[in-house]
Structures are given as structure tokens and as C-alpha cells.
């Protein structure tokens, strides 16, 4: 019974965490001039990873 209560308490604590609000200048910076053109994206796949 004690293990069940500990598991339930762990679930409650895990899901009660909230995300922090992002602030300009702390977590990221805004560019004055947006980047012109889209970057080229290459995808690689291998069965041997």
C-alpha cells in the first residue's frame, strides 16, 4: 500500500510542475533584421545507427 501512495504522490508532483515563461533578453534575443531566405535542411537516415 505504501508503494502505491508513493507512486501516486510521484505522479501528482510530476504533473504539477509548470513551465517557466520565456523573456526576451534572458532566454532568447530578438533579431533586428530577420534572416533572408530559408536554411537548407538535410535529413540523414541509416539502419546502422
Protein backbone atom coordinates (compact mmCIF):
# COMPACT_ATOMS: atom_id res chain seq x y z
CA UNK A 1 0.00 0.00 0.00
CA UNK A 2 2.88 2.33 0.80
CA UNK A 3 4.34 1.81 -2.69
CA UNK A 4 1.03 2.76 -4.29
CA UNK A 5 0.84 6.01 -2.29
CA UNK A 6 4.42 6.85 -3.22
CA UNK A 7 3.69 6.19 -6.89
CA UNK A 8 0.58 8.39 -6.79
CA UNK A 9 2.47 11.16 -5.00
CA UNK A 10 5.19 10.97 -7.64
CA UNK A 11 2.63 11.28 -10.43
CA UNK A 12 1.00 14.28 -8.78
CA UNK A 13 4.34 16.01 -8.32
CA UNK A 14 5.44 15.22 -11.87
CA UNK A 15 2.30 16.65 -13.47
CA UNK A 16 2.01 19.65 -11.16
CA UNK A 17 5.24 21.18 -12.44
CA UNK A 18 4.63 24.23 -14.61
CA UNK A 19 6.72 25.64 -17.43
CA UNK A 20 8.58 28.91 -16.96
CA UNK A 21 7.64 31.94 -19.02
CA UNK A 22 10.25 32.92 -21.59
CA UNK A 23 11.51 36.51 -21.50
CA UNK A 24 13.20 38.41 -24.31
CA UNK A 25 16.79 39.14 -23.33
CA UNK A 26 17.04 36.34 -20.77
CA UNK A 27 16.32 33.07 -22.57
CA UNK A 28 16.46 34.38 -26.15
CA UNK A 29 17.22 37.51 -28.17
CA UNK A 30 15.12 39.00 -30.93
CA UNK A 31 16.91 39.75 -34.19
CA UNK A 32 16.53 43.28 -35.56
CA UNK A 33 16.68 42.08 -39.17
CA UNK A 34 15.07 38.71 -39.92
CA UNK A 35 17.22 36.23 -41.81
CA UNK A 36 16.56 36.39 -45.55
CA UNK A 37 15.81 33.06 -47.19
CA UNK A 38 15.15 29.70 -45.65
CA UNK A 39 18.03 27.49 -44.50
CA UNK A 40 18.69 24.24 -46.34
CA UNK A 41 17.72 21.19 -44.29
CA UNK A 42 19.32 17.81 -44.98
CA UNK A 43 17.97 14.61 -43.48
CA UNK A 44 20.10 11.51 -42.96
CA UNK A 45 18.85 8.03 -42.16
CA UNK A 46 20.75 4.84 -41.52
CA UNK A 47 19.81 1.40 -40.23
CA UNK A 48 23.26 1.17 -38.61
CA UNK A 49 22.82 3.93 -36.01
